[in-house]
Amino acid sequence: MPKNLQKQWWFMFPVTFISGYAAFLLVQAAGIGGLETVAQMLVFALCFAALRAGLQFVSWLAIVAFLPKLAKSVVDQEGAK
């Protein structure tokens, strides 16, 4: 995935928000009430990181599939640097 796309606010804001909310729901479903200990925070952070990476990948595939002109412009901008 081009690094330039990860700097776009319109891409990273929804990915980060959805990943954070989904990680929160996963932690709640696992029975971890609050993030009171370091172990609980670590579980949340690992869930968040994995979900964000996966969602970035799926989002990039969707952009390539449904908005190929946008994907090409992002790749061209990165290649021009």
N, C-alpha and C. Protein backbone atom coordinates (compact mmCIF):
# COMPACT_ATOMS: atom_id res chain seq x y z
N MET A 1 0.85 -1.17 0.00
CA MET A 1 0.00 0.00 0.00
C MET A 1 0.90 1.23 0.00
N PRO A 2 0.63 2.19 -0.86
CA PRO A 2 1.46 3.39 -0.88
C PRO A 2 1.40 4.15 0.44
N LYS A 3 2.54 4.63 0.86
CA LYS A 3 2.60 5.37 2.11
C LYS A 3 1.83 6.68 2.02
N ASN A 4 1.71 7.22 0.82
CA ASN A 4 1.02 8.50 0.65
C ASN A 4 -0.46 8.39 1.03
N LEU A 5 -1.06 7.25 0.77
CA LEU A 5 -2.48 7.08 1.10
C LEU A 5 -2.68 7.08 2.61
N GLN A 6 -1.72 6.58 3.35
CA GLN A 6 -1.84 6.55 4.80
C GLN A 6 -1.71 7.93 5.41
N LYS A 7 -1.28 8.91 4.64
CA LYS A 7 -1.20 10.28 5.14
C LYS A 7 -2.46 11.09 4.82
N GLN A 8 -3.37 10.51 4.08
CA GLN A 8 -4.60 11.20 3.71
C GLN A 8 -5.60 11.11 4.86
N TRP A 9 -6.08 12.26 5.34
CA TRP A 9 -7.00 12.26 6.48
C TRP A 9 -8.31 11.56 6.13
N TRP A 10 -8.77 11.69 4.91
CA TRP A 10 -10.05 11.11 4.53
C TRP A 10 -9.97 9.59 4.49
N PHE A 11 -8.77 9.05 4.46
CA PHE A 11 -8.60 7.60 4.50
C PHE A 11 -8.35 7.13 5.93
N MET A 12 -7.46 7.80 6.63
CA MET A 12 -7.05 7.32 7.95
C MET A 12 -8.08 7.59 9.05
N PHE A 13 -8.81 8.69 8.97
CA PHE A 13 -9.79 8.98 10.02
C PHE A 13 -10.85 7.90 10.14
N PRO A 14 -11.54 7.52 9.06
CA PRO A 14 -12.55 6.47 9.21
C PRO A 14 -11.95 5.11 9.58
N VAL A 15 -10.77 4.79 9.03
CA VAL A 15 -10.13 3.52 9.34
C VAL A 15 -9.79 3.45 10.83
N THR A 16 -9.22 4.52 11.36
CA THR A 16 -8.84 4.54 12.78
C THR A 16 -10.07 4.51 13.67
N PHE A 17 -11.09 5.27 13.33
CA PHE A 17 -12.31 5.32 14.14
C PHE A 17 -12.99 3.95 14.18
N ILE A 18 -13.17 3.35 13.01
CA ILE A 18 -13.85 2.05 12.94
C ILE A 18 -13.03 0.98 13.66
N SER A 19 -11.71 1.02 13.49
CA SER A 19 -10.85 0.04 14.16
C SER A 19 -10.91 0.19 15.67
N GLY A 20 -10.88 1.42 16.16
CA GLY A 20 -10.95 1.65 17.59
C GLY A 20 -12.27 1.19 18.18
N TYR A 21 -13.35 1.50 17.50
CA TYR A 21 -14.67 1.10 17.99
C TYR A 21 -14.82 -0.42 17.95
N ALA A 22 -14.35 -1.05 16.87
CA ALA A 22 -14.44 -2.50 16.77
C ALA A 22 -13.57 -3.18 17.83
N ALA A 23 -12.40 -2.62 18.10
CA ALA A 23 -11.54 -3.18 19.15
C ALA A 23 -12.20 -3.04 20.51
N PHE A 24 -12.84 -1.91 20.75
CA PHE A 24 -13.57 -1.71 22.00
C PHE A 24 -14.68 -2.74 22.15
N LEU A 25 -15.44 -2.99 21.08
CA LEU A 25 -16.51 -3.97 21.13
C LEU A 25 -15.96 -5.39 21.34
N LEU A 26 -14.83 -5.71 20.72
CA LEU A 26 -14.22 -7.02 20.92
C LEU A 26 -13.77 -7.21 22.36
N VAL A 27 -13.17 -6.19 22.93
CA VAL A 27 -12.71 -6.27 24.31
C VAL A 27 -13.91 -6.42 25.25
N GLN A 28 -14.97 -5.69 24.99
CA GLN A 28 -16.18 -5.81 25.80
C GLN A 28 -16.78 -7.21 25.67
N ALA A 29 -16.81 -7.75 24.46
CA ALA A 29 -17.37 -9.08 24.24
C ALA A 29 -16.53 -10.17 24.90
N ALA A 30 -15.24 -9.91 25.05
CA ALA A 30 -14.35 -10.88 25.70
C ALA A 30 -14.50 -10.86 27.21
N GLY A 31 -15.27 -9.92 27.72
CA GLY A 31 -15.51 -9.86 29.16
C GLY A 31 -14.53 -8.98 29.90
N ILE A 32 -13.75 -8.22 29.18
CA ILE A 32 -12.83 -7.28 29.82
C ILE A 32 -13.59 -5.97 29.97
N GLY A 33 -14.03 -5.68 31.18
CA GLY A 33 -14.88 -4.52 31.41
C GLY A 33 -14.21 -3.20 31.09
N GLY A 34 -13.24 -2.83 31.88
CA GLY A 34 -12.53 -1.58 31.64
C GLY A 34 -11.08 -1.86 31.38
N LEU A 35 -10.36 -0.86 30.96
CA LEU A 35 -8.94 -1.02 30.69
C LEU A 35 -8.17 -0.56 31.92
N GLU A 36 -8.17 -1.40 32.95
CA GLU A 36 -7.60 -1.01 34.23
C GLU A 36 -6.17 -1.50 34.43
N THR A 37 -5.82 -2.61 33.80
CA THR A 37 -4.47 -3.15 33.98
C THR A 37 -3.70 -3.05 32.67
N VAL A 38 -2.40 -3.22 32.77
CA VAL A 38 -1.55 -3.16 31.59
C VAL A 38 -1.89 -4.30 30.63
N ALA A 39 -2.23 -5.46 31.15
CA ALA A 39 -2.58 -6.60 30.31
C ALA A 39 -3.85 -6.31 29.49
N GLN A 40 -4.83 -5.69 30.12
CA GLN A 40 -6.05 -5.33 29.40
C GLN A 40 -5.78 -4.29 28.33
N MET A 41 -4.93 -3.33 28.64
CA MET A 41 -4.57 -2.31 27.65
C MET A 41 -3.80 -2.93 26.49
N LEU A 42 -2.95 -3.90 26.79
CA LEU A 42 -2.18 -4.58 25.74
C LEU A 42 -3.10 -5.37 24.82
N VAL A 43 -4.09 -6.05 25.39
CA VAL A 43 -5.06 -6.79 24.56
C VAL A 43 -5.80 -5.82 23.65
N PHE A 44 -6.23 -4.68 24.19
CA PHE A 44 -6.92 -3.69 23.37
C PHE A 44 -6.00 -3.17 22.27
N ALA A 45 -4.75 -2.85 22.60
CA ALA A 45 -3.82 -2.30 21.62
C ALA A 45 -3.53 -3.30 20.50
N LEU A 46 -3.38 -4.56 20.85
CA LEU A 46 -3.14 -5.58 19.83
C LEU A 46 -4.35 -5.78 18.93
N CYS A 47 -5.55 -5.77 19.53
CA CYS A 47 -6.77 -5.86 18.72
C CYS A 47 -6.88 -4.67 17.78
N PHE A 48 -6.61 -3.48 18.31
CA PHE A 48 -6.70 -2.27 17.52
C PHE A 48 -5.71 -2.30 16.36
N ALA A 49 -4.47 -2.69 16.63
CA ALA A 49 -3.44 -2.71 15.58
C ALA A 49 -3.78 -3.71 14.49
N ALA A 50 -4.24 -4.89 14.89
CA ALA A 50 -4.59 -5.91 13.90
C ALA A 50 -5.80 -5.48 13.06
N LEU A 51 -6.80 -4.93 13.71
CA LEU A 51 -7.99 -4.48 12.98
C LEU A 51 -7.65 -3.32 12.04
N ARG A 52 -6.82 -2.40 12.49
CA ARG A 52 -6.45 -1.26 11.64
C ARG A 52 -5.68 -1.72 10.41
N ALA A 53 -4.73 -2.63 10.59
CA ALA A 53 -3.96 -3.13 9.44
C ALA A 53 -4.86 -3.86 8.45
N GLY A 54 -5.74 -4.69 8.97
CA GLY A 54 -6.66 -5.41 8.09
C GLY A 54 -7.63 -4.49 7.38
N LEU A 55 -8.14 -3.51 8.09
CA LEU A 55 -9.08 -2.58 7.47
C LEU A 55 -8.39 -1.68 6.45
N GLN A 56 -7.14 -1.30 6.69
CA GLN A 56 -6.40 -0.53 5.70
C GLN A 56 -6.23 -1.34 4.41
N PHE A 57 -5.90 -2.61 4.56
CA PHE A 57 -5.71 -3.47 3.39
C PHE A 57 -7.01 -3.63 2.61
N VAL A 58 -8.09 -3.93 3.32
CA VAL A 58 -9.39 -4.12 2.65
C VAL A 58 -9.86 -2.82 2.01
N SER A 59 -9.63 -1.70 2.68
CA SER A 59 -10.02 -0.41 2.12
C SER A 59 -9.23 -0.10 0.87
N TRP A 60 -7.92 -0.39 0.88
CA TRP A 60 -7.11 -0.14 -0.31
C TRP A 60 -7.59 -1.02 -1.46
N LEU A 61 -7.92 -2.28 -1.19
CA LEU A 61 -8.45 -3.14 -2.25
C LEU A 61 -9.76 -2.58 -2.80
N ALA A 62 -10.61 -2.06 -1.93
CA ALA A 62 -11.88 -1.48 -2.38
C ALA A 62 -11.63 -0.24 -3.23
N ILE A 63 -10.67 0.58 -2.83
CA ILE A 63 -10.37 1.78 -3.62
C ILE A 63 -9.82 1.39 -4.99
N VAL A 64 -8.96 0.40 -5.04
CA VAL A 64 -8.41 -0.06 -6.32
C VAL A 64 -9.52 -0.65 -7.19
N ALA A 65 -10.44 -1.37 -6.58
CA ALA A 65 -11.49 -2.02 -7.36
C ALA A 65 -12.56 -1.05 -7.84
N PHE A 66 -12.97 -0.13 -6.97
CA PHE A 66 -14.11 0.72 -7.29
C PHE A 66 -13.75 2.14 -7.73
N LEU A 67 -12.55 2.60 -7.38
CA LEU A 67 -12.11 3.94 -7.76
C LEU A 67 -10.69 3.86 -8.34
N PRO A 68 -10.53 3.21 -9.48
CA PRO A 68 -9.18 3.01 -10.00
C PRO A 68 -8.47 4.31 -10.36
N LYS A 69 -9.21 5.35 -10.76
CA LYS A 69 -8.56 6.62 -11.09
C LYS A 69 -7.93 7.25 -9.85
N LEU A 70 -8.62 7.15 -8.71
CA LEU A 70 -8.07 7.67 -7.46
C LEU A 70 -6.83 6.88 -7.06
N ALA A 71 -6.88 5.58 -7.19
CA ALA A 71 -5.72 4.75 -6.84
C ALA A 71 -4.54 5.07 -7.74
N LYS A 72 -4.79 5.28 -9.02
CA LYS A 72 -3.71 5.60 -9.95
C LYS A 72 -3.10 6.96 -9.63
N SER A 73 -3.94 7.92 -9.26
CA SER A 73 -3.39 9.25 -8.94
C SER A 73 -2.54 9.20 -7.68
N VAL A 74 -2.93 8.40 -6.71
CA VAL A 74 -2.13 8.26 -5.48
C VAL A 74 -0.80 7.60 -5.79
N VAL A 75 -0.81 6.56 -6.61
CA VAL A 75 0.42 5.87 -6.98
C VAL A 75 1.32 6.79 -7.81
N ASP A 76 0.72 7.57 -8.72
CA ASP A 76 1.50 8.50 -9.54
C ASP A 76 2.15 9.59 -8.69
N GLN A 77 1.41 10.09 -7.68
CA GLN A 77 1.98 11.12 -6.79
C GLN A 77 3.17 10.55 -6.04
N GLU A 78 3.07 9.32 -5.62
CA GLU A 78 4.16 8.70 -4.87
C GLU A 78 5.35 8.45 -5.78
N GLY A 79 5.09 8.08 -7.03
CA GLY A 79 6.18 7.82 -7.97
C GLY A 79 6.91 9.08 -8.39
N ALA A 80 6.23 10.22 -8.34
CA ALA A 80 6.84 11.48 -8.75
C ALA A 80 7.84 12.00 -7.72
N LYS A 81 7.78 11.49 -6.51
CA LYS A 81 8.68 11.99 -5.45
C LYS A 81 10.05 11.43 -5.57
